[in-house]
Amino acid sequence: MVCIGKEITEELECEPAKFYIKRYIRYKYAAKNGNGVSIAELPERVIDKGIPGAGLLAMILTDKYQDHCVPRKCAA
């Protein structure tokens, strides 16, 4: 048989949200004379000393108020 062309069929799919950890690595520096330690500041966070990032909070609020999906009832 001889190939005379091809047909392409496309299908649109959606993957559920993916979670990832954003890690900030900050180096500590000590003065040679022993007077203190220096470290870079963290970027501003939505919740001080909190774990969730802005994207996660936006998803939770959208699910709760726009999609009317309470997190404990919408577990996949």
Foldseek 3Di string as FASTA:
>chain_A
DDDDDDDDDDDDDDDPDDDDADDDDWDKDADPVRDDIDIDDDPDAPDVVDRDGPVVVVVQVCCVPVVVHHVVRPDD
